[in-house]
Amino acid sequence: MYLDEIHIRRLKLLKDFRLSFTNADGTPRMWTVLIGENGTAKTSILQAIALCAAGPAQVNGLVKPIVGHLRDRRNGTASLEIAATFRFSKQHEGRADLHPTLRRAINTDTERLVSELTMKAKGRSLYGRSYYAKRDGTEIELPGSKSRGMNNPLDHARSENLHRWFVSGYGVGRFLPDPTRIPPLDQPGIERLEPLFRSTTGLTSLRFLDHFVDEKARRFTDTLRNALTGSKELVPALEGIELRGAGAGPGMSLTEAKSMRRGCSHSGSVDPDLAPPLVDPSLERLESRPCLGQILERLAGQRLGALPILAEFPQ
């Protein structure tokens, strides 16, 4: 899913705010960076997008931690309103199974998905709807929608965990996950958004690979490797990685595997005063003057809960 536009009215500091996410030629913009001082509503914009992407049926459970602070208190008589327009990638073409309420494949060039949410002036709950629309905003009537009540395709997609309706977000907390816990992924489209609203919620652990068959897990780890090493600007000191165990055994083998192939300088140690704090009791087994490789091995394999990484750093 791509976001075409969001229109926010009376959400926190956002009195009437509209932002397009398309290029001048109408194609979806792949990257959008919001820059501003603290307290200028950057997170509020992300939360508004997340709420519209969650779907009306799930939105109140997601927003519960901050529901009392959502409305613009400068206007106590008007409703909060959020509307977002999404489009679908070319991977949806010819895939009627991805749009069961439409009962056909969507036209990715001319058809969109609109999600609208409202909160009354004195209310504490959001309500809304989602619907397919033509590019000009005209609503597309769903077959049988009047008699069967199937008028919220976004709710249906989240309920069925449909593929290719992906959304994810995280907030200022960015707590690392427990590497020993397999994420349930019961409602992945909602769980991936919770860190935006609950500052203590951890990010989804990479142990979600335990839900994949071997080949799919290997494709994911190959993609992760390419993302980390394909651009020197992303992790300048990283020359190469090896992801062990993905798709080949239980998830715990990923966090227990030895991860550093070479990380020490010729001197073999770093100043312990400059070393990261080693608060995990298992880290007491390290040498009193741990080398950089040992520190990163333990941090990558046990503290961070990420896939163990075999890395080489320049001397």
C-alpha atoms as a PDB file:
ATOM      1  CA  MET A   1       0.000   0.000   0.000  1.00  0.00           C
ATOM      2  CA  TYR A   2       1.118   3.533  -0.772  1.00  0.00           C
ATOM      3  CA  LEU A   3      -0.221   6.685   0.836  1.00  0.00           C
ATOM      4  CA  ASP A   4      -1.391   9.319  -1.648  1.00  0.00           C
ATOM      5  CA  GLU A   5      -2.651  11.995   0.739  1.00  0.00           C
ATOM      6  CA  ILE A   6      -3.688  12.670   4.321  1.00  0.00           C
ATOM      7  CA  HIS A   7      -6.051  15.411   5.515  1.00  0.00           C
ATOM      8  CA  ILE A   8      -6.122  16.086   9.268  1.00  0.00           C
ATOM      9  CA  ARG A   9      -8.465  18.469  11.067  1.00  0.00           C
ATOM     10  CA  ARG A  10      -8.328  19.306  14.762  1.00  0.00           C
ATOM     11  CA  LEU A  11      -5.878  16.615  15.839  1.00  0.00           C
ATOM     12  CA  LYS A  12      -3.678  18.004  18.646  1.00  0.00           C
ATOM     13  CA  LEU A  13      -1.848  20.997  17.104  1.00  0.00           C
ATOM     14  CA  LEU A  14      -3.053  20.256  13.573  1.00  0.00           C
ATOM     15  CA  LYS A  15      -6.007  22.570  12.966  1.00  0.00           C
ATOM     16  CA  ASP A  16      -6.357  21.912   9.240  1.00  0.00           C
ATOM     17  CA  PHE A  17      -3.429  20.098   7.678  1.00  0.00           C
ATOM     18  CA  ARG A  18      -3.138  18.415   4.289  1.00  0.00           C
ATOM     19  CA  LEU A  19      -0.064  16.614   2.950  1.00  0.00           C
ATOM     20  CA  SER A  20       0.464  14.891  -0.388  1.00  0.00           C
ATOM     21  CA  PHE A  21       2.765  11.906  -0.737  1.00  0.00           C
ATOM     22  CA  THR A  22       2.934  11.839  -4.538  1.00  0.00           C
ATOM     23  CA  ASN A  23       5.437  13.217  -7.010  1.00  0.00           C
ATOM     24  CA  ALA A  24       4.631  15.949  -9.509  1.00  0.00           C
ATOM     25  CA  ASP A  25       3.734  13.290 -12.102  1.00  0.00           C
ATOM     26  CA  GLY A  26       1.276  11.620  -9.714  1.00  0.00           C
ATOM     27  CA  THR A  27       3.406   8.590  -8.898  1.00  0.00           C
ATOM     28  CA  PRO A  28       3.796   7.627  -5.225  1.00  0.00           C
ATOM     29  CA  ARG A  29       6.787   9.186  -3.486  1.00  0.00           C
ATOM     30  CA  MET A  30       9.005   6.459  -2.047  1.00  0.00           C
ATOM     31  CA  TRP A  31      10.509   8.550   0.776  1.00  0.00           C
ATOM     32  CA  THR A  32       9.084  11.433   2.788  1.00  0.00           C
ATOM     33  CA  VAL A  33      11.075  12.987   5.637  1.00  0.00           C
ATOM     34  CA  LEU A  34       9.375  15.240   8.201  1.00  0.00           C
ATOM     35  CA  ILE A  35      11.754  17.647   9.946  1.00  0.00           C
ATOM     36  CA  GLY A  36      10.804  19.962  12.772  1.00  0.00           C
ATOM     37  CA  GLU A  37      11.431  21.011  16.347  1.00  0.00           C
ATOM     38  CA  ASN A  38      10.104  18.936  19.225  1.00  0.00           C
ATOM     39  CA  GLY A  39       6.396  19.459  19.779  1.00  0.00           C
ATOM     40  CA  THR A  40       5.585  20.463  16.185  1.00  0.00           C
ATOM     41  CA  ALA A  41       3.266  17.483  15.499  1.00  0.00           C
ATOM     42  CA  LYS A  42       5.576  15.178  13.546  1.00  0.00           C
ATOM     43  CA  THR A  43       4.501  12.170  15.603  1.00  0.00           C
ATOM     44  CA  SER A  44       0.876  13.297  15.369  1.00  0.00           C
ATOM     45  CA  ILE A  45       1.051  13.040  11.572  1.00  0.00           C
ATOM     46  CA  LEU A  46       2.449   9.508  11.802  1.00  0.00           C
ATOM     47  CA  GLN A  47      -0.250   8.546  14.293  1.00  0.00           C
ATOM     48  CA  ALA A  48      -2.964   9.907  12.011  1.00  0.00           C
ATOM     49  CA  ILE A  49      -1.633   7.839   9.121  1.00  0.00           C
ATOM     50  CA  ALA A  50      -1.469   4.752  11.334  1.00  0.00           C
ATOM     51  CA  LEU A  51      -5.043   5.206  12.546  1.00  0.00           C
ATOM     52  CA  CYS A  52      -6.381   5.441   9.011  1.00  0.00           C
ATOM     53  CA  ALA A  53      -4.328   2.418   7.950  1.00  0.00           C
ATOM     54  CA  ALA A  54      -5.556   0.314  10.892  1.00  0.00           C
ATOM     55  CA  GLY A  55      -9.207   0.337   9.892  1.00  0.00           C
ATOM     56  CA  PRO A  56     -12.276   1.537  11.834  1.00  0.00           C
ATOM     57  CA  ALA A  57     -12.863  -1.753  13.647  1.00  0.00           C
ATOM     58  CA  GLN A  58      -9.395  -1.819  15.224  1.00  0.00           C
ATOM     59  CA  VAL A  59      -8.664   1.850  15.666  1.00  0.00           C
ATOM     60  CA  ASN A  60     -10.001   2.393  19.205  1.00  0.00           C
ATOM     61  CA  GLY A  61      -7.934  -0.387  20.709  1.00  0.00           C
ATOM     62  CA  LEU A  62      -4.865   1.071  19.034  1.00  0.00           C
ATOM     63  CA  VAL A  63      -5.465   4.674  20.137  1.00  0.00           C
ATOM     64  CA  LYS A  64      -6.587   3.927  23.707  1.00  0.00           C
ATOM     65  CA  PRO A  65      -3.337   5.084  25.460  1.00  0.00           C
ATOM     66  CA  ILE A  66      -3.601   8.593  23.981  1.00  0.00           C
ATOM     67  CA  VAL A  67      -7.319   8.990  23.291  1.00  0.00           C
ATOM     68  CA  GLY A  68      -7.700  11.741  25.895  1.00  0.00           C
ATOM     69  CA  HIS A  69      -5.094  13.898  24.144  1.00  0.00           C
ATOM     70  CA  LEU A  70      -6.137  13.529  20.522  1.00  0.00           C
ATOM     71  CA  ARG A  71      -8.398  16.495  19.963  1.00  0.00           C
ATOM     72  CA  ASP A  72      -7.342  20.075  19.351  1.00  0.00           C
ATOM     73  CA  ARG A  73      -8.431  21.719  22.607  1.00  0.00           C
ATOM     74  CA  ARG A  74      -8.437  25.171  21.037  1.00  0.00           C
ATOM     75  CA  ASN A  75     -11.816  24.286  19.524  1.00  0.00           C
ATOM     76  CA  GLY A  76     -14.097  22.437  21.907  1.00  0.00           C
ATOM     77  CA  THR A  77     -17.160  22.275  19.674  1.00  0.00           C
ATOM     78  CA  ALA A  78     -15.933  20.737  16.430  1.00  0.00           C
ATOM     79  CA  SER A  79     -15.132  17.104  15.628  1.00  0.00           C
ATOM     80  CA  LEU A  80     -11.716  15.639  14.957  1.00  0.00           C
ATOM     81  CA  GLU A  81     -11.507  14.382  11.373  1.00  0.00           C
ATOM     82  CA  ILE A  82      -8.872  12.374   9.513  1.00  0.00           C
ATOM     83  CA  ALA A  83      -9.067  11.167   5.909  1.00  0.00           C
ATOM     84  CA  ALA A  84      -6.391   9.249   4.034  1.00  0.00           C
ATOM     85  CA  THR A  85      -6.211   8.032   0.445  1.00  0.00           C
ATOM     86  CA  PHE A  86      -4.185   4.910  -0.321  1.00  0.00           C
ATOM     87  CA  ARG A  87      -3.258   3.241  -3.565  1.00  0.00           C
ATOM     88  CA  PHE A  88      -2.080  -0.303  -4.242  1.00  0.00           C
ATOM     89  CA  SER A  89       1.115  -1.546  -5.846  1.00  0.00           C
ATOM     90  CA  LYS A  90       1.304  -3.343  -9.192  1.00  0.00           C
ATOM     91  CA  GLN A  91       1.484  -6.597  -7.220  1.00  0.00           C
ATOM     92  CA  HIS A  92      -2.291  -6.277  -6.748  1.00  0.00           C
ATOM     93  CA  GLU A  93      -2.965  -6.429 -10.487  1.00  0.00           C
ATOM     94  CA  GLY A  94      -4.866  -9.553 -11.458  1.00  0.00           C
ATOM     95  CA  ARG A  95      -5.273 -10.562  -7.775  1.00  0.00           C
ATOM     96  CA  ALA A  96      -8.981 -10.723  -7.006  1.00  0.00           C
ATOM     97  CA  ASP A  97      -8.112 -12.729  -3.864  1.00  0.00           C
ATOM     98  CA  LEU A  98      -6.554  -9.579  -2.352  1.00  0.00           C
ATOM     99  CA  HIS A  99      -9.862  -7.684  -2.658  1.00  0.00           C
ATOM    100  CA  PRO A 100     -12.618 -10.139  -1.732  1.00  0.00           C
ATOM    101  CA  THR A 101     -15.181  -7.416  -0.978  1.00  0.00           C
ATOM    102  CA  LEU A 102     -14.636  -5.954  -4.456  1.00  0.00           C
ATOM    103  CA  ARG A 103     -14.940  -9.458  -5.981  1.00  0.00           C
ATOM    104  CA  ARG A 104     -12.400  -8.607  -8.654  1.00  0.00           C
ATOM    105  CA  ALA A 105      -8.870  -7.347  -9.021  1.00  0.00           C
ATOM    106  CA  ILE A 106      -8.378  -3.651  -8.429  1.00  0.00           C
ATOM    107  CA  ASN A 107      -7.210  -1.274 -11.131  1.00  0.00           C
ATOM    108  CA  THR A 108      -4.051   0.126  -9.555  1.00  0.00           C
ATOM    109  CA  ASP A 109      -3.951   3.089 -11.953  1.00  0.00           C
ATOM    110  CA  THR A 110      -7.478   4.431 -11.509  1.00  0.00           C
ATOM    111  CA  GLU A 111      -8.831   3.044  -8.207  1.00  0.00           C
ATOM    112  CA  ARG A 112      -7.945   3.945  -4.629  1.00  0.00           C
ATOM    113  CA  LEU A 113      -8.850   3.117  -1.031  1.00  0.00           C
ATOM    114  CA  VAL A 114     -10.175   5.904   1.217  1.00  0.00           C
ATOM    115  CA  SER A 115     -10.189   5.663   5.027  1.00  0.00           C
ATOM    116  CA  GLU A 116     -12.104   8.248   7.086  1.00  0.00           C
ATOM    117  CA  LEU A 117     -12.241   8.673  10.867  1.00  0.00           C
ATOM    118  CA  THR A 118     -14.158  11.058  13.146  1.00  0.00           C
ATOM    119  CA  MET A 119     -14.303  11.796  16.870  1.00  0.00           C
ATOM    120  CA  LYS A 120     -17.147  13.917  18.219  1.00  0.00           C
ATOM    121  CA  ALA A 121     -16.337  17.068  20.187  1.00  0.00           C
ATOM    122  CA  LYS A 122     -17.086  15.470  23.553  1.00  0.00           C
ATOM    123  CA  GLY A 123     -16.441  11.905  22.464  1.00  0.00           C
ATOM    124  CA  ARG A 124     -13.732   9.436  23.446  1.00  0.00           C
ATOM    125  CA  SER A 125     -14.089   7.006  20.557  1.00  0.00           C
ATOM    126  CA  LEU A 126     -13.210   7.153  16.895  1.00  0.00           C
ATOM    127  CA  TYR A 127     -15.597   5.839  14.295  1.00  0.00           C
ATOM    128  CA  GLY A 128     -15.408   5.805  10.531  1.00  0.00           C
ATOM    129  CA  ARG A 129     -15.408   3.772   7.376  1.00  0.00           C
ATOM    130  CA  SER A 130     -13.264   2.764   4.435  1.00  0.00           C
ATOM    131  CA  TYR A 131     -14.284   2.403   0.803  1.00  0.00           C
ATOM    132  CA  TYR A 132     -12.911   1.965  -2.681  1.00  0.00           C
ATOM    133  CA  ALA A 133     -13.004   5.081  -4.834  1.00  0.00           C
ATOM    134  CA  LYS A 134     -12.092   6.230  -8.286  1.00  0.00           C
ATOM    135  CA  ARG A 135      -9.128   8.530  -8.623  1.00  0.00           C
ATOM    136  CA  ASP A 136     -11.429  11.559  -8.554  1.00  0.00           C
ATOM    137  CA  GLY A 137     -12.876  10.443  -5.193  1.00  0.00           C
ATOM    138  CA  THR A 138     -16.137   8.953  -6.452  1.00  0.00           C
ATOM    139  CA  GLU A 139     -17.074   5.993  -4.269  1.00  0.00           C
ATOM    140  CA  ILE A 140     -17.210   2.552  -5.886  1.00  0.00           C
ATOM    141  CA  GLU A 141     -20.227   0.564  -4.729  1.00  0.00           C
ATOM    142  CA  LEU A 142     -19.313  -2.939  -3.632  1.00  0.00           C
ATOM    143  CA  PRO A 143     -21.310  -5.879  -4.994  1.00  0.00           C
ATOM    144  CA  GLY A 144     -23.858  -6.931  -2.395  1.00  0.00           C
ATOM    145  CA  SER A 145     -22.705  -4.279   0.067  1.00  0.00           C
ATOM    146  CA  LYS A 146     -26.194  -2.969   0.799  1.00  0.00           C
ATOM    147  CA  SER A 147     -27.583  -6.324   1.793  1.00  0.00           C
ATOM    148  CA  ARG A 148     -24.504  -7.883   3.393  1.00  0.00           C
ATOM    149  CA  GLY A 149     -22.982  -4.859   5.130  1.00  0.00           C
ATOM    150  CA  MET A 150     -19.577  -5.432   3.538  1.00  0.00           C
ATOM    151  CA  ASN A 151     -18.797  -1.745   3.230  1.00  0.00           C
ATOM    152  CA  ASN A 152     -15.408  -1.605   4.975  1.00  0.00           C
ATOM    153  CA  PRO A 153     -12.757  -3.301   2.821  1.00  0.00           C
ATOM    154  CA  LEU A 154      -9.961  -2.174   5.148  1.00  0.00           C
ATOM    155  CA  ASP A 155     -11.604  -3.840   8.142  1.00  0.00           C
ATOM    156  CA  HIS A 156     -12.010  -7.020   6.118  1.00  0.00           C
ATOM    157  CA  ALA A 157      -8.340  -6.949   5.067  1.00  0.00           C
ATOM    158  CA  ARG A 158      -7.146  -6.509   8.663  1.00  0.00           C
ATOM    159  CA  SER A 159      -9.508  -9.211   9.933  1.00  0.00           C
ATOM    160  CA  GLU A 160      -8.290 -11.712   7.341  1.00  0.00           C
ATOM    161  CA  ASN A 161      -4.623 -10.577   7.514  1.00  0.00           C
ATOM    162  CA  LEU A 162      -4.599 -10.220   3.744  1.00  0.00           C
ATOM    163  CA  HIS A 163      -1.235 -10.056   2.027  1.00  0.00           C
ATOM    164  CA  ARG A 164      -0.030  -6.906   0.253  1.00  0.00           C
ATOM    165  CA  TRP A 165      -1.895  -4.607   2.691  1.00  0.00           C
ATOM    166  CA  PHE A 166       1.299  -3.961   4.634  1.00  0.00           C
ATOM    167  CA  VAL A 167       1.694  -1.152   7.150  1.00  0.00           C
ATOM    168  CA  SER A 168       4.239  -0.626   9.918  1.00  0.00           C
ATOM    169  CA  GLY A 169       5.260   2.182  12.256  1.00  0.00           C
ATOM    170  CA  TYR A 170       7.169   2.955  15.430  1.00  0.00           C
ATOM    171  CA  GLY A 171       7.438   5.923  17.759  1.00  0.00           C
ATOM    172  CA  VAL A 172      10.081   7.684  19.795  1.00  0.00           C
ATOM    173  CA  GLY A 173      10.593   4.775  22.227  1.00  0.00           C
ATOM    174  CA  ARG A 174      11.944   2.131  19.826  1.00  0.00           C
ATOM    175  CA  PHE A 175      12.364  -0.466  22.580  1.00  0.00           C
ATOM    176  CA  LEU A 176      14.214  -3.550  21.416  1.00  0.00           C
ATOM    177  CA  PRO A 177      12.299  -6.834  21.604  1.00  0.00           C
ATOM    178  CA  ASP A 178      12.866  -9.882  23.767  1.00  0.00           C
ATOM    179  CA  PRO A 179      14.980 -12.186  21.540  1.00  0.00           C
ATOM    180  CA  THR A 180      13.600 -15.320  23.227  1.00  0.00           C
ATOM    181  CA  ARG A 181       9.947 -14.537  22.480  1.00  0.00           C
ATOM    182  CA  ILE A 182       8.284 -15.518  19.236  1.00  0.00           C
ATOM    183  CA  PRO A 183       5.896 -12.712  18.210  1.00  0.00           C
ATOM    184  CA  PRO A 184       2.362 -14.130  17.926  1.00  0.00           C
ATOM    185  CA  LEU A 185       1.460 -12.054  14.851  1.00  0.00           C
ATOM    186  CA  ASP A 186      -2.242 -12.615  15.533  1.00  0.00           C
ATOM    187  CA  GLN A 187      -3.052  -9.182  14.115  1.00  0.00           C
ATOM    188  CA  PRO A 188       0.196  -8.142  12.408  1.00  0.00           C
ATOM    189  CA  GLY A 189      -1.305  -5.081  10.725  1.00  0.00           C
ATOM    190  CA  ILE A 190      -2.176  -3.701  14.174  1.00  0.00           C
ATOM    191  CA  GLU A 191       0.737  -5.038  16.232  1.00  0.00           C
ATOM    192  CA  ARG A 192       3.252  -3.394  13.904  1.00  0.00           C
ATOM    193  CA  LEU A 193       1.676  -0.001  14.719  1.00  0.00           C
ATOM    194  CA  GLU A 194       1.456  -0.254  18.515  1.00  0.00           C
ATOM    195  CA  PRO A 195       4.919   1.292  19.213  1.00  0.00           C
ATOM    196  CA  LEU A 196       3.551   4.557  17.796  1.00  0.00           C
ATOM    197  CA  PHE A 197       0.965   4.723  20.594  1.00  0.00           C
ATOM    198  CA  ARG A 198       2.529   2.804  23.489  1.00  0.00           C
ATOM    199  CA  SER A 199       5.995   4.112  24.269  1.00  0.00           C
ATOM    200  CA  THR A 200       6.962   0.951  26.170  1.00  0.00           C
ATOM    201  CA  THR A 201       5.923  -1.500  23.453  1.00  0.00           C
ATOM    202  CA  GLY A 202       8.911  -3.222  21.893  1.00  0.00           C
ATOM    203  CA  LEU A 203       9.484  -3.490  18.184  1.00  0.00           C
ATOM    204  CA  THR A 204       8.565  -6.785  16.518  1.00  0.00           C
ATOM    205  CA  SER A 205      11.338  -9.321  17.064  1.00  0.00           C
ATOM    206  CA  LEU A 206      13.078 -10.879  14.090  1.00  0.00           C
ATOM    207  CA  ARG A 207      11.984 -14.177  15.531  1.00  0.00           C
ATOM    208  CA  PHE A 208       8.872 -13.764  13.417  1.00  0.00           C
ATOM    209  CA  LEU A 209      11.001 -15.805  11.002  1.00  0.00           C
ATOM    210  CA  ASP A 210       9.843 -18.820  13.003  1.00  0.00           C
ATOM    211  CA  HIS A 211       6.486 -18.377  11.258  1.00  0.00           C
ATOM    212  CA  PHE A 212       8.122 -18.750   7.826  1.00  0.00           C
ATOM    213  CA  VAL A 213       8.964 -21.864   5.864  1.00  0.00           C
ATOM    214  CA  ASP A 214      12.680 -22.312   5.199  1.00  0.00           C
ATOM    215  CA  GLU A 215      12.737 -20.825   1.701  1.00  0.00           C
ATOM    216  CA  LYS A 216      10.777 -17.718   2.697  1.00  0.00           C
ATOM    217  CA  ALA A 217      13.029 -17.195   5.727  1.00  0.00           C
ATOM    218  CA  ARG A 218      16.118 -17.397   3.529  1.00  0.00           C
ATOM    219  CA  ARG A 219      14.674 -14.880   1.088  1.00  0.00           C
ATOM    220  CA  PHE A 220      14.060 -12.504   3.989  1.00  0.00           C
ATOM    221  CA  THR A 221      17.587 -12.855   5.368  1.00  0.00           C
ATOM    222  CA  ASP A 222      19.039 -12.314   1.884  1.00  0.00           C
ATOM    223  CA  THR A 223      17.005  -9.104   1.622  1.00  0.00           C
ATOM    224  CA  LEU A 224      18.202  -8.000   5.062  1.00  0.00           C
ATOM    225  CA  ARG A 225      21.815  -8.675   4.118  1.00  0.00           C
ATOM    226  CA  ASN A 226      21.474  -6.675   0.902  1.00  0.00           C
ATOM    227  CA  ALA A 227      19.824  -3.782   2.750  1.00  0.00           C
ATOM    228  CA  LEU A 228      22.622  -3.597   5.331  1.00  0.00           C
ATOM    229  CA  THR A 229      25.578  -4.044   2.982  1.00  0.00           C
ATOM    230  CA  GLY A 230      24.269  -2.694  -0.329  1.00  0.00           C
ATOM    231  CA  SER A 231      24.853   0.929   0.632  1.00  0.00           C
ATOM    232  CA  LYS A 232      27.982   2.102   2.421  1.00  0.00           C
ATOM    233  CA  GLU A 233      26.108   5.191   3.576  1.00  0.00           C
ATOM    234  CA  LEU A 234      23.763   3.117   5.764  1.00  0.00           C
ATOM    235  CA  VAL A 235      26.388   1.310   7.869  1.00  0.00           C
ATOM    236  CA  PRO A 236      29.730   2.722   6.666  1.00  0.00           C
ATOM    237  CA  ALA A 237      31.986   0.403   8.697  1.00  0.00           C
ATOM    238  CA  LEU A 238      30.168  -2.809   7.802  1.00  0.00           C
ATOM    239  CA  GLU A 239      31.946  -4.809   5.106  1.00  0.00           C
ATOM    240  CA  GLY A 240      29.925  -7.997   5.176  1.00  0.00           C
ATOM    241  CA  ILE A 241      27.562 -10.069   7.270  1.00  0.00           C
ATOM    242  CA  GLU A 242      26.525 -13.677   7.590  1.00  0.00           C
ATOM    243  CA  LEU A 243      23.122 -14.524   8.999  1.00  0.00           C
ATOM    244  CA  ARG A 244      23.236 -17.889  10.689  1.00  0.00           C
ATOM    245  CA  GLY A 245      20.406 -20.283  11.213  1.00  0.00           C
ATOM    246  CA  ALA A 246      17.606 -18.429   9.441  1.00  0.00           C
ATOM    247  CA  GLY A 247      15.179 -20.957   8.055  1.00  0.00           C
ATOM    248  CA  ALA A 248      17.447 -23.808   9.100  1.00  0.00           C
ATOM    249  CA  GLY A 249      16.555 -24.374  12.737  1.00  0.00           C
ATOM    250  CA  PRO A 250      14.761 -23.021  15.782  1.00  0.00           C
ATOM    251  CA  GLY A 251      14.870 -19.302  16.377  1.00  0.00           C
ATOM    252  CA  MET A 252      16.953 -19.692  19.551  1.00  0.00           C
ATOM    253  CA  SER A 253      19.831 -20.989  17.438  1.00  0.00           C
ATOM    254  CA  LEU A 254      19.950 -17.555  15.854  1.00  0.00           C
ATOM    255  CA  THR A 255      20.592 -15.813  19.154  1.00  0.00           C
ATOM    256  CA  GLU A 256      22.938 -18.456  20.554  1.00  0.00           C
ATOM    257  CA  ALA A 257      25.210 -18.684  17.525  1.00  0.00           C
ATOM    258  CA  LYS A 258      28.680 -17.162  17.625  1.00  0.00           C
ATOM    259  CA  SER A 259      28.312 -14.007  15.618  1.00  0.00           C
ATOM    260  CA  MET A 260      31.601 -12.120  15.286  1.00  0.00           C
ATOM    261  CA  ARG A 261      34.236 -13.460  12.938  1.00  0.00           C
ATOM    262  CA  ARG A 262      36.678 -10.623  13.420  1.00  0.00           C
ATOM    263  CA  GLY A 263      36.098  -7.452  15.360  1.00  0.00           C
ATOM    264  CA  CYS A 264      39.299  -6.708  17.305  1.00  0.00           C
ATOM    265  CA  SER A 265      42.039  -4.372  16.260  1.00  0.00           C
ATOM    266  CA  HIS A 266      45.662  -5.519  16.313  1.00  0.00           C
ATOM    267  CA  SER A 267      45.874  -4.476  19.943  1.00  0.00           C
ATOM    268  CA  GLY A 268      42.941  -6.831  20.638  1.00  0.00           C
ATOM    269  CA  SER A 269      41.185  -4.677  23.215  1.00  0.00           C
ATOM    270  CA  VAL A 270      39.354  -1.472  23.878  1.00  0.00           C
ATOM    271  CA  ASP A 271      39.453   0.779  26.889  1.00  0.00           C
ATOM    272  CA  PRO A 272      36.852  -0.648  29.339  1.00  0.00           C
ATOM    273  CA  ASP A 273      35.949   2.905  30.323  1.00  0.00           C
ATOM    274  CA  LEU A 274      34.806   3.471  26.753  1.00  0.00           C
ATOM    275  CA  ALA A 275      33.033   0.143  26.379  1.00  0.00           C
ATOM    276  CA  PRO A 276      29.221  -0.004  26.395  1.00  0.00           C
ATOM    277  CA  PRO A 277      27.651  -0.836  29.783  1.00  0.00           C
ATOM    278  CA  LEU A 278      27.417  -4.618  30.113  1.00  0.00           C
ATOM    279  CA  VAL A 279      24.364  -5.114  32.304  1.00  0.00           C
ATOM    280  CA  ASP A 280      23.427  -8.656  31.251  1.00  0.00           C
ATOM    281  CA  PRO A 281      24.793 -11.116  33.869  1.00  0.00           C
ATOM    282  CA  SER A 282      25.952 -13.412  31.083  1.00  0.00           C
ATOM    283  CA  LEU A 283      28.295 -10.681  29.921  1.00  0.00           C
ATOM    284  CA  GLU A 284      30.382 -11.132  33.072  1.00  0.00           C
ATOM    285  CA  ARG A 285      32.057 -14.033  31.284  1.00  0.00           C
ATOM    286  CA  LEU A 286      33.810 -11.566  29.034  1.00  0.00           C
ATOM    287  CA  GLU A 287      37.422 -10.700  29.599  1.00  0.00           C
ATOM    288  CA  SER A 288      38.056  -7.790  31.963  1.00  0.00           C
ATOM    289  CA  ARG A 289      39.322  -5.843  28.970  1.00  0.00           C
ATOM    290  CA  PRO A 290      36.911  -7.056  26.272  1.00  0.00           C
ATOM    291  CA  CYS A 291      37.821  -6.657  22.650  1.00  0.00           C
ATOM    292  CA  LEU A 292      35.417  -4.894  20.325  1.00  0.00           C
ATOM    293  CA  GLY A 293      34.473  -8.173  18.702  1.00  0.00           C
ATOM    294  CA  GLN A 294      33.436  -9.731  22.011  1.00  0.00           C
ATOM    295  CA  ILE A 295      31.332  -6.715  22.948  1.00  0.00           C
ATOM    296  CA  LEU A 296      29.517  -6.635  19.623  1.00  0.00           C
ATOM    297  CA  GLU A 297      29.070 -10.388  19.628  1.00  0.00           C
ATOM    298  CA  ARG A 298      27.227 -10.304  22.942  1.00  0.00           C
ATOM    299  CA  LEU A 299      25.270  -7.171  22.126  1.00  0.00           C
ATOM    300  CA  ALA A 300      24.177  -8.429  18.710  1.00  0.00           C
ATOM    301  CA  GLY A 301      23.408 -11.972  19.790  1.00  0.00           C
ATOM    302  CA  GLN A 302      21.794 -11.464  23.190  1.00  0.00           C
ATOM    303  CA  ARG A 303      21.067  -7.821  24.027  1.00  0.00           C
ATOM    304  CA  LEU A 304      19.577  -6.631  20.758  1.00  0.00           C
ATOM    305  CA  GLY A 305      17.501  -9.646  19.868  1.00  0.00           C
ATOM    306  CA  ALA A 306      18.490  -9.305  16.233  1.00  0.00           C
ATOM    307  CA  LEU A 307      19.709 -12.035  13.951  1.00  0.00           C
ATOM    308  CA  PRO A 308      23.307 -12.884  14.922  1.00  0.00           C
ATOM    309  CA  ILE A 309      25.633 -11.123  12.584  1.00  0.00           C
ATOM    310  CA  LEU A 310      29.060 -12.091  11.332  1.00  0.00           C
ATOM    311  CA  ALA A 311      30.779  -8.815  10.539  1.00  0.00           C
ATOM    312  CA  GLU A 312      34.148  -7.550   9.447  1.00  0.00           C
ATOM    313  CA  PHE A 313      35.283  -4.046  10.289  1.00  0.00           C
ATOM    314  CA  PRO A 314      38.291  -2.277   8.795  1.00  0.00           C
ATOM    315  CA  GLN A 315      41.451  -2.475  10.853  1.00  0.00           C
END
